[in-house]
Amino acid sequence: MKMQLHSFARHLWTAWIKPLAFAGAIIFPFKSAVADWNWVPSGSMRPTILEGELVFVNKLAYDLKVPFTTHHLAAWGDPARGDVVVCFSPADGRRLVKRVVGLPGDRITVVGAQLLVNGQSIAYASAGELWYRHLTATEHQQVRVADELLGGVHHPIIVTGADLSSAALARDYVVPEGQYFMMGDNRDRSFDSRYFGSIAREQIVGRAAGIVLSFDPEHAFLPRADRCFNSLL
């Protein structure tokens, strides 16, 4: 009996535990420091990123970190205005996907749905019909999609019940040194730096580079084939 148990334990170690441990020793540090993925459960980045999408995260876009930490081993760049990044929320530590709107030292002003950076109004234009394809029935009635030019990057934003030329009360934010101001593309449905403040550079995990998979939670999680394997704006 003891011989059988010993033989079984050795087989378990050789056939399963050892290979899995070896694979884990490679995969987990790789995911922590090089590349990862992030499921998006909310609509704060609509229509750029929809609920139920798996986003590829390039963790080497700006720097190399010690695996499982936020400590930098090397840095070769910083997030640019318009980048879509994955970061940790200072409110509760959750991983978020947001767009970089403000760089260190910037003054960000939000007037209704109009965005100004250092006193300069961001340019807006009509968005193509492509971005209306996955709006919900309610959104088709209540929102408009606009093309925003931010940091040389054209991307869509959703505005709910507000004119981009609104004369509403202005809200000003100054981005501290070493921090970045984040906003969601779904401007009226995003919990972002307007509420929890700017995000420190070391809390930025990496750049969200593309959509790997997309599943529609409103339709039994059927795949959205036209959204899979697309790069992000």
C-alpha atoms as a PDB file:
ATOM      1  CA  MET A   1       0.000   0.000   0.000  1.00  0.00           C
ATOM      2  CA  LYS A   2       2.821   2.408   0.940  1.00  0.00           C
ATOM      3  CA  MET A   3       4.608   1.536  -2.300  1.00  0.00           C
ATOM      4  CA  GLN A   4       1.460   2.323  -4.284  1.00  0.00           C
ATOM      5  CA  LEU A   5       1.006   5.679  -2.518  1.00  0.00           C
ATOM      6  CA  HIS A   6       4.652   6.513  -3.069  1.00  0.00           C
ATOM      7  CA  SER A   7       4.394   5.580  -6.739  1.00  0.00           C
ATOM      8  CA  PHE A   8       1.202   7.641  -7.140  1.00  0.00           C
ATOM      9  CA  ALA A   9       2.780  10.670  -5.407  1.00  0.00           C
ATOM     10  CA  ARG A  10       5.852  10.454  -7.626  1.00  0.00           C
ATOM     11  CA  HIS A  11       3.674  10.191 -10.744  1.00  0.00           C
ATOM     12  CA  LEU A  12       1.576  13.157  -9.573  1.00  0.00           C
ATOM     13  CA  TRP A  13       4.708  15.229  -9.010  1.00  0.00           C
ATOM     14  CA  THR A  14       6.353  14.245 -12.292  1.00  0.00           C
ATOM     15  CA  ALA A  15       3.299  14.350 -14.540  1.00  0.00           C
ATOM     16  CA  TRP A  16       1.355  17.291 -13.099  1.00  0.00           C
ATOM     17  CA  ILE A  17       2.766  19.385 -10.256  1.00  0.00           C
ATOM     18  CA  LYS A  18       6.297  19.867 -11.604  1.00  0.00           C
ATOM     19  CA  PRO A  19       5.223  20.834 -15.176  1.00  0.00           C
ATOM     20  CA  LEU A  20       2.494  23.149 -13.880  1.00  0.00           C
ATOM     21  CA  ALA A  21       4.888  24.790 -11.416  1.00  0.00           C
ATOM     22  CA  PHE A  22       7.443  25.279 -14.187  1.00  0.00           C
ATOM     23  CA  ALA A  23       4.815  26.764 -16.505  1.00  0.00           C
ATOM     24  CA  GLY A  24       3.537  29.025 -13.735  1.00  0.00           C
ATOM     25  CA  ALA A  25       7.058  30.247 -12.992  1.00  0.00           C
ATOM     26  CA  ILE A  26       7.225  31.480 -16.577  1.00  0.00           C
ATOM     27  CA  ILE A  27       3.660  32.574 -17.280  1.00  0.00           C
ATOM     28  CA  PHE A  28       2.854  34.553 -14.124  1.00  0.00           C
ATOM     29  CA  PRO A  29       5.969  36.801 -14.167  1.00  0.00           C
ATOM     30  CA  PHE A  30       5.401  37.273 -17.921  1.00  0.00           C
ATOM     31  CA  LYS A  31       1.807  38.386 -17.297  1.00  0.00           C
ATOM     32  CA  SER A  32       2.940  40.643 -14.471  1.00  0.00           C
ATOM     33  CA  ALA A  33       5.753  42.454 -16.286  1.00  0.00           C
ATOM     34  CA  VAL A  34       5.422  41.954 -20.059  1.00  0.00           C
ATOM     35  CA  ALA A  35       1.880  41.400 -21.355  1.00  0.00           C
ATOM     36  CA  ASP A  36      -1.517  40.741 -19.845  1.00  0.00           C
ATOM     37  CA  TRP A  37      -5.220  40.991 -20.582  1.00  0.00           C
ATOM     38  CA  ASN A  38      -8.046  42.812 -18.879  1.00  0.00           C
ATOM     39  CA  TRP A  39     -11.773  42.005 -18.987  1.00  0.00           C
ATOM     40  CA  VAL A  40     -13.912  45.135 -19.226  1.00  0.00           C
ATOM     41  CA  PRO A  41     -17.133  44.753 -17.198  1.00  0.00           C
ATOM     42  CA  SER A  42     -18.549  48.278 -17.529  1.00  0.00           C
ATOM     43  CA  GLY A  43     -19.443  50.739 -20.265  1.00  0.00           C
ATOM     44  CA  SER A  44     -17.270  53.656 -19.140  1.00  0.00           C
ATOM     45  CA  MET A  45     -15.165  53.460 -22.328  1.00  0.00           C
ATOM     46  CA  ARG A  46     -18.060  53.051 -24.772  1.00  0.00           C
ATOM     47  CA  PRO A  47     -18.040  53.132 -27.745  1.00  0.00           C
ATOM     48  CA  THR A  48     -14.256  52.540 -27.960  1.00  0.00           C
ATOM     49  CA  ILE A  49     -14.466  49.527 -25.628  1.00  0.00           C
ATOM     50  CA  LEU A  50     -17.712  47.732 -24.847  1.00  0.00           C
ATOM     51  CA  GLU A  51     -18.797  45.649 -21.865  1.00  0.00           C
ATOM     52  CA  GLY A  52     -17.667  42.036 -22.184  1.00  0.00           C
ATOM     53  CA  GLU A  53     -14.458  42.718 -24.088  1.00  0.00           C
ATOM     54  CA  LEU A  54     -11.019  41.269 -23.419  1.00  0.00           C
ATOM     55  CA  VAL A  55      -8.335  43.917 -23.894  1.00  0.00           C
ATOM     56  CA  PHE A  56      -4.670  43.154 -24.558  1.00  0.00           C
ATOM     57  CA  VAL A  57      -2.359  45.130 -22.252  1.00  0.00           C
ATOM     58  CA  ASN A  58       1.196  45.936 -23.347  1.00  0.00           C
ATOM     59  CA  LYS A  59       3.060  46.288 -20.063  1.00  0.00           C
ATOM     60  CA  LEU A  60       6.311  47.140 -21.842  1.00  0.00           C
ATOM     61  CA  ALA A  61       4.820  50.184 -23.562  1.00  0.00           C
ATOM     62  CA  TYR A  62       6.422  52.620 -21.127  1.00  0.00           C
ATOM     63  CA  ASP A  63       8.728  50.720 -18.798  1.00  0.00           C
ATOM     64  CA  LEU A  64       9.853  47.426 -17.260  1.00  0.00           C
ATOM     65  CA  LYS A  65       8.653  46.697 -13.744  1.00  0.00           C
ATOM     66  CA  VAL A  66       9.748  44.165 -11.146  1.00  0.00           C
ATOM     67  CA  PRO A  67       7.211  41.312 -11.524  1.00  0.00           C
ATOM     68  CA  PHE A  68       4.288  41.534  -9.073  1.00  0.00           C
ATOM     69  CA  THR A  69       5.248  45.099  -8.027  1.00  0.00           C
ATOM     70  CA  THR A  70       4.960  48.680  -9.318  1.00  0.00           C
ATOM     71  CA  HIS A  71       8.727  49.293  -8.961  1.00  0.00           C
ATOM     72  CA  HIS A  72      10.470  50.300 -12.187  1.00  0.00           C
ATOM     73  CA  LEU A  73      13.596  48.530 -13.403  1.00  0.00           C
ATOM     74  CA  ALA A  74      13.806  50.736 -16.492  1.00  0.00           C
ATOM     75  CA  ALA A  75      11.693  53.374 -18.206  1.00  0.00           C
ATOM     76  CA  TRP A  76      11.783  54.430 -21.864  1.00  0.00           C
ATOM     77  CA  GLY A  77       8.659  56.522 -22.185  1.00  0.00           C
ATOM     78  CA  ASP A  78       5.635  58.004 -20.515  1.00  0.00           C
ATOM     79  CA  PRO A  79       1.932  57.807 -21.352  1.00  0.00           C
ATOM     80  CA  ALA A  80       0.944  60.269 -24.061  1.00  0.00           C
ATOM     81  CA  ARG A  81      -2.219  62.310 -24.271  1.00  0.00           C
ATOM     82  CA  GLY A  82      -4.850  60.166 -25.987  1.00  0.00           C
ATOM     83  CA  ASP A  83      -3.389  56.796 -24.921  1.00  0.00           C
ATOM     84  CA  VAL A  84      -5.786  54.181 -23.537  1.00  0.00           C
ATOM     85  CA  VAL A  85      -4.167  52.698 -20.441  1.00  0.00           C
ATOM     86  CA  VAL A  86      -4.841  50.230 -17.657  1.00  0.00           C
ATOM     87  CA  CYS A  87      -4.283  51.711 -14.205  1.00  0.00           C
ATOM     88  CA  PHE A  88      -5.122  51.214 -10.553  1.00  0.00           C
ATOM     89  CA  SER A  89      -7.894  53.347  -9.105  1.00  0.00           C
ATOM     90  CA  PRO A  90      -6.768  55.454  -6.117  1.00  0.00           C
ATOM     91  CA  ALA A  91     -10.331  55.130  -4.797  1.00  0.00           C
ATOM     92  CA  ASP A  92     -10.409  51.358  -4.255  1.00  0.00           C
ATOM     93  CA  GLY A  93      -7.367  49.818  -5.969  1.00  0.00           C
ATOM     94  CA  ARG A  94      -9.348  48.222  -8.803  1.00  0.00           C
ATOM     95  CA  ARG A  95      -7.861  47.989 -12.286  1.00  0.00           C
ATOM     96  CA  LEU A  96      -9.456  50.475 -14.676  1.00  0.00           C
ATOM     97  CA  VAL A  97      -9.246  51.111 -18.410  1.00  0.00           C
ATOM     98  CA  LYS A  98      -9.246  54.851 -19.155  1.00  0.00           C
ATOM     99  CA  ARG A  99      -7.924  57.397 -21.629  1.00  0.00           C
ATOM    100  CA  VAL A 100      -5.077  59.769 -20.741  1.00  0.00           C
ATOM    101  CA  VAL A 101      -6.460  63.306 -21.019  1.00  0.00           C
ATOM    102  CA  GLY A 102      -4.063  65.340 -18.874  1.00  0.00           C
ATOM    103  CA  LEU A 103      -0.288  65.154 -18.469  1.00  0.00           C
ATOM    104  CA  PRO A 104       1.732  66.342 -15.449  1.00  0.00           C
ATOM    105  CA  GLY A 105       1.306  70.088 -15.010  1.00  0.00           C
ATOM    106  CA  ASP A 106      -1.736  70.383 -17.297  1.00  0.00           C
ATOM    107  CA  ARG A 107      -4.850  72.361 -16.444  1.00  0.00           C
ATOM    108  CA  ILE A 108      -7.934  70.405 -17.457  1.00  0.00           C
ATOM    109  CA  THR A 109     -11.243  72.238 -17.780  1.00  0.00           C
ATOM    110  CA  VAL A 110     -14.589  70.537 -18.342  1.00  0.00           C
ATOM    111  CA  VAL A 111     -17.483  72.797 -19.417  1.00  0.00           C
ATOM    112  CA  GLY A 112     -20.555  70.659 -19.922  1.00  0.00           C
ATOM    113  CA  ALA A 113     -19.288  68.099 -22.415  1.00  0.00           C
ATOM    114  CA  GLN A 114     -16.558  70.376 -23.781  1.00  0.00           C
ATOM    115  CA  LEU A 115     -12.983  69.555 -22.810  1.00  0.00           C
ATOM    116  CA  LEU A 116     -10.216  72.156 -22.659  1.00  0.00           C
ATOM    117  CA  VAL A 117      -6.527  71.434 -22.077  1.00  0.00           C
ATOM    118  CA  ASN A 118      -4.445  74.374 -20.849  1.00  0.00           C
ATOM    119  CA  GLY A 119      -7.162  76.734 -22.007  1.00  0.00           C
ATOM    120  CA  GLN A 120      -7.331  75.302 -25.543  1.00  0.00           C
ATOM    121  CA  SER A 121     -10.619  73.752 -26.663  1.00  0.00           C
ATOM    122  CA  ILE A 122     -10.359  70.200 -27.957  1.00  0.00           C
ATOM    123  CA  ALA A 123     -11.633  69.796 -31.527  1.00  0.00           C
ATOM    124  CA  TYR A 124     -14.793  67.776 -32.148  1.00  0.00           C
ATOM    125  CA  ALA A 125     -16.451  66.497 -35.319  1.00  0.00           C
ATOM    126  CA  SER A 126     -19.260  64.135 -36.259  1.00  0.00           C
ATOM    127  CA  ALA A 127     -18.407  60.474 -35.733  1.00  0.00           C
ATOM    128  CA  GLY A 128     -18.888  57.876 -38.448  1.00  0.00           C
ATOM    129  CA  GLU A 129     -21.846  55.506 -38.467  1.00  0.00           C
ATOM    130  CA  LEU A 130     -19.502  52.654 -37.472  1.00  0.00           C
ATOM    131  CA  TRP A 131     -19.544  53.877 -33.867  1.00  0.00           C
ATOM    132  CA  TYR A 132     -23.351  53.784 -33.680  1.00  0.00           C
ATOM    133  CA  ARG A 133     -23.490  50.084 -34.572  1.00  0.00           C
ATOM    134  CA  HIS A 134     -23.293  48.746 -31.017  1.00  0.00           C
ATOM    135  CA  LEU A 135     -25.255  51.440 -29.198  1.00  0.00           C
ATOM    136  CA  THR A 136     -28.228  50.212 -27.192  1.00  0.00           C
ATOM    137  CA  ALA A 137     -31.770  51.198 -28.159  1.00  0.00           C
ATOM    138  CA  THR A 138     -31.829  53.689 -25.273  1.00  0.00           C
ATOM    139  CA  GLU A 139     -28.493  55.183 -26.301  1.00  0.00           C
ATOM    140  CA  HIS A 140     -29.713  55.683 -29.859  1.00  0.00           C
ATOM    141  CA  GLN A 141     -32.444  57.908 -28.421  1.00  0.00           C
ATOM    142  CA  GLN A 142     -30.474  59.749 -25.745  1.00  0.00           C
ATOM    143  CA  VAL A 143     -26.833  60.131 -26.779  1.00  0.00           C
ATOM    144  CA  ARG A 144     -24.680  61.432 -29.553  1.00  0.00           C
ATOM    145  CA  VAL A 145     -21.290  60.114 -30.637  1.00  0.00           C
ATOM    146  CA  ALA A 146     -18.619  62.676 -31.466  1.00  0.00           C
ATOM    147  CA  ASP A 147     -15.110  62.389 -32.850  1.00  0.00           C
ATOM    148  CA  GLU A 148     -12.609  63.939 -30.445  1.00  0.00           C
ATOM    149  CA  LEU A 149      -9.073  64.937 -31.471  1.00  0.00           C
ATOM    150  CA  LEU A 150      -6.888  64.533 -28.416  1.00  0.00           C
ATOM    151  CA  GLY A 151      -3.110  64.498 -28.613  1.00  0.00           C
ATOM    152  CA  GLY A 152      -3.244  63.810 -32.344  1.00  0.00           C
ATOM    153  CA  VAL A 153      -5.507  60.801 -31.756  1.00  0.00           C
ATOM    154  CA  HIS A 154      -9.008  60.712 -33.267  1.00  0.00           C
ATOM    155  CA  HIS A 155     -11.373  58.649 -31.136  1.00  0.00           C
ATOM    156  CA  PRO A 156     -15.115  58.529 -30.423  1.00  0.00           C
ATOM    157  CA  ILE A 157     -16.795  59.748 -27.263  1.00  0.00           C
ATOM    158  CA  ILE A 158     -20.395  59.407 -26.085  1.00  0.00           C
ATOM    159  CA  VAL A 159     -22.183  62.472 -24.754  1.00  0.00           C
ATOM    160  CA  THR A 160     -25.502  62.163 -22.932  1.00  0.00           C
ATOM    161  CA  GLY A 161     -27.945  65.050 -22.882  1.00  0.00           C
ATOM    162  CA  ALA A 162     -25.318  67.744 -23.253  1.00  0.00           C
ATOM    163  CA  ASP A 163     -24.213  69.971 -26.101  1.00  0.00           C
ATOM    164  CA  LEU A 164     -20.480  70.108 -26.799  1.00  0.00           C
ATOM    165  CA  SER A 165     -20.781  73.891 -26.801  1.00  0.00           C
ATOM    166  CA  SER A 166     -22.609  73.979 -23.464  1.00  0.00           C
ATOM    167  CA  ALA A 167     -22.096  77.028 -21.267  1.00  0.00           C
ATOM    168  CA  ALA A 168     -22.455  74.982 -18.093  1.00  0.00           C
ATOM    169  CA  LEU A 169     -20.403  75.688 -14.991  1.00  0.00           C
ATOM    170  CA  ALA A 170     -16.711  75.032 -15.673  1.00  0.00           C
ATOM    171  CA  ARG A 171     -14.762  72.590 -13.538  1.00  0.00           C
ATOM    172  CA  ASP A 172     -10.977  73.012 -13.377  1.00  0.00           C
ATOM    173  CA  TYR A 173      -8.374  70.419 -12.420  1.00  0.00           C
ATOM    174  CA  VAL A 174      -4.613  70.872 -12.211  1.00  0.00           C
ATOM    175  CA  VAL A 175      -2.606  67.686 -12.742  1.00  0.00           C
ATOM    176  CA  PRO A 176       0.215  67.330 -10.169  1.00  0.00           C
ATOM    177  CA  GLU A 177       3.729  66.434 -11.261  1.00  0.00           C
ATOM    178  CA  GLY A 178       4.206  62.720 -11.750  1.00  0.00           C
ATOM    179  CA  GLN A 179       0.471  62.144 -12.224  1.00  0.00           C
ATOM    180  CA  TYR A 180      -2.011  61.792 -15.092  1.00  0.00           C
ATOM    181  CA  PHE A 181      -5.631  62.809 -15.553  1.00  0.00           C
ATOM    182  CA  MET A 182      -7.847  59.971 -16.836  1.00  0.00           C
ATOM    183  CA  MET A 183     -11.315  60.035 -18.368  1.00  0.00           C
ATOM    184  CA  GLY A 184     -13.617  57.467 -19.908  1.00  0.00           C
ATOM    185  CA  ASP A 185     -14.849  57.919 -23.481  1.00  0.00           C
ATOM    186  CA  ASN A 186     -18.421  57.523 -22.213  1.00  0.00           C
ATOM    187  CA  ARG A 187     -18.150  60.951 -20.658  1.00  0.00           C
ATOM    188  CA  ASP A 188     -21.335  60.997 -18.579  1.00  0.00           C
ATOM    189  CA  ARG A 189     -21.047  57.375 -17.445  1.00  0.00           C
ATOM    190  CA  SER A 190     -17.450  57.153 -16.258  1.00  0.00           C
ATOM    191  CA  PHE A 191     -15.997  57.137 -12.746  1.00  0.00           C
ATOM    192  CA  ASP A 192     -12.608  58.709 -13.409  1.00  0.00           C
ATOM    193  CA  SER A 193     -10.174  61.476 -12.413  1.00  0.00           C
ATOM    194  CA  ARG A 194     -13.017  63.991 -12.223  1.00  0.00           C
ATOM    195  CA  TYR A 195     -14.113  62.119  -9.080  1.00  0.00           C
ATOM    196  CA  PHE A 196     -11.054  60.400  -7.573  1.00  0.00           C
ATOM    197  CA  GLY A 197      -8.278  62.712  -8.782  1.00  0.00           C
ATOM    198  CA  SER A 198      -5.207  62.161 -10.915  1.00  0.00           C
ATOM    199  CA  ILE A 199      -3.364  58.848 -11.024  1.00  0.00           C
ATOM    200  CA  ALA A 200       0.299  58.484 -10.114  1.00  0.00           C
ATOM    201  CA  ARG A 201       2.678  57.339 -12.851  1.00  0.00           C
ATOM    202  CA  GLU A 202       3.637  54.159 -10.980  1.00  0.00           C
ATOM    203  CA  GLN A 203      -0.035  53.119 -10.815  1.00  0.00           C
ATOM    204  CA  ILE A 204      -0.244  52.873 -14.611  1.00  0.00           C
ATOM    205  CA  VAL A 205       0.033  49.191 -15.538  1.00  0.00           C
ATOM    206  CA  GLY A 206       0.505  49.537 -19.290  1.00  0.00           C
ATOM    207  CA  ARG A 207      -1.096  50.554 -22.560  1.00  0.00           C
ATOM    208  CA  ALA A 208      -4.311  48.908 -23.756  1.00  0.00           C
ATOM    209  CA  ALA A 209      -3.282  48.015 -27.292  1.00  0.00           C
ATOM    210  CA  GLY A 210      -6.214  46.115 -28.748  1.00  0.00           C
ATOM    211  CA  ILE A 211      -9.418  44.156 -28.309  1.00  0.00           C
ATOM    212  CA  VAL A 212      -8.780  40.411 -28.366  1.00  0.00           C
ATOM    213  CA  LEU A 213     -12.289  39.053 -27.827  1.00  0.00           C
ATOM    214  CA  SER A 214     -15.723  40.619 -27.538  1.00  0.00           C
ATOM    215  CA  PHE A 215     -18.874  39.052 -26.056  1.00  0.00           C
ATOM    216  CA  ASP A 216     -22.272  40.728 -25.840  1.00  0.00           C
ATOM    217  CA  PRO A 217     -23.783  40.396 -22.328  1.00  0.00           C
ATOM    218  CA  GLU A 218     -27.106  41.744 -23.663  1.00  0.00           C
ATOM    219  CA  HIS A 219     -27.431  38.782 -26.059  1.00  0.00           C
ATOM    220  CA  ALA A 220     -26.385  35.674 -24.094  1.00  0.00           C
ATOM    221  CA  PHE A 221     -22.692  36.585 -24.443  1.00  0.00           C
ATOM    222  CA  LEU A 222     -22.657  35.845 -28.149  1.00  0.00           C
ATOM    223  CA  PRO A 223     -19.415  36.986 -29.787  1.00  0.00           C
ATOM    224  CA  ARG A 224     -19.235  40.310 -31.586  1.00  0.00           C
ATOM    225  CA  ALA A 225     -17.150  39.045 -34.497  1.00  0.00           C
ATOM    226  CA  ASP A 226     -16.552  42.509 -35.965  1.00  0.00           C
ATOM    227  CA  ARG A 227     -14.953  43.684 -32.698  1.00  0.00           C
ATOM    228  CA  CYS A 228     -12.423  40.862 -32.206  1.00  0.00           C
ATOM    229  CA  PHE A 229      -8.706  41.387 -32.881  1.00  0.00           C
ATOM    230  CA  ASN A 230      -9.037  45.143 -33.429  1.00  0.00           C
ATOM    231  CA  SER A 231      -6.443  47.685 -32.389  1.00  0.00           C
ATOM    232  CA  LEU A 232      -7.500  50.506 -30.053  1.00  0.00           C
ATOM    233  CA  LEU A 233      -7.570  54.162 -30.999  1.00  0.00           C
END
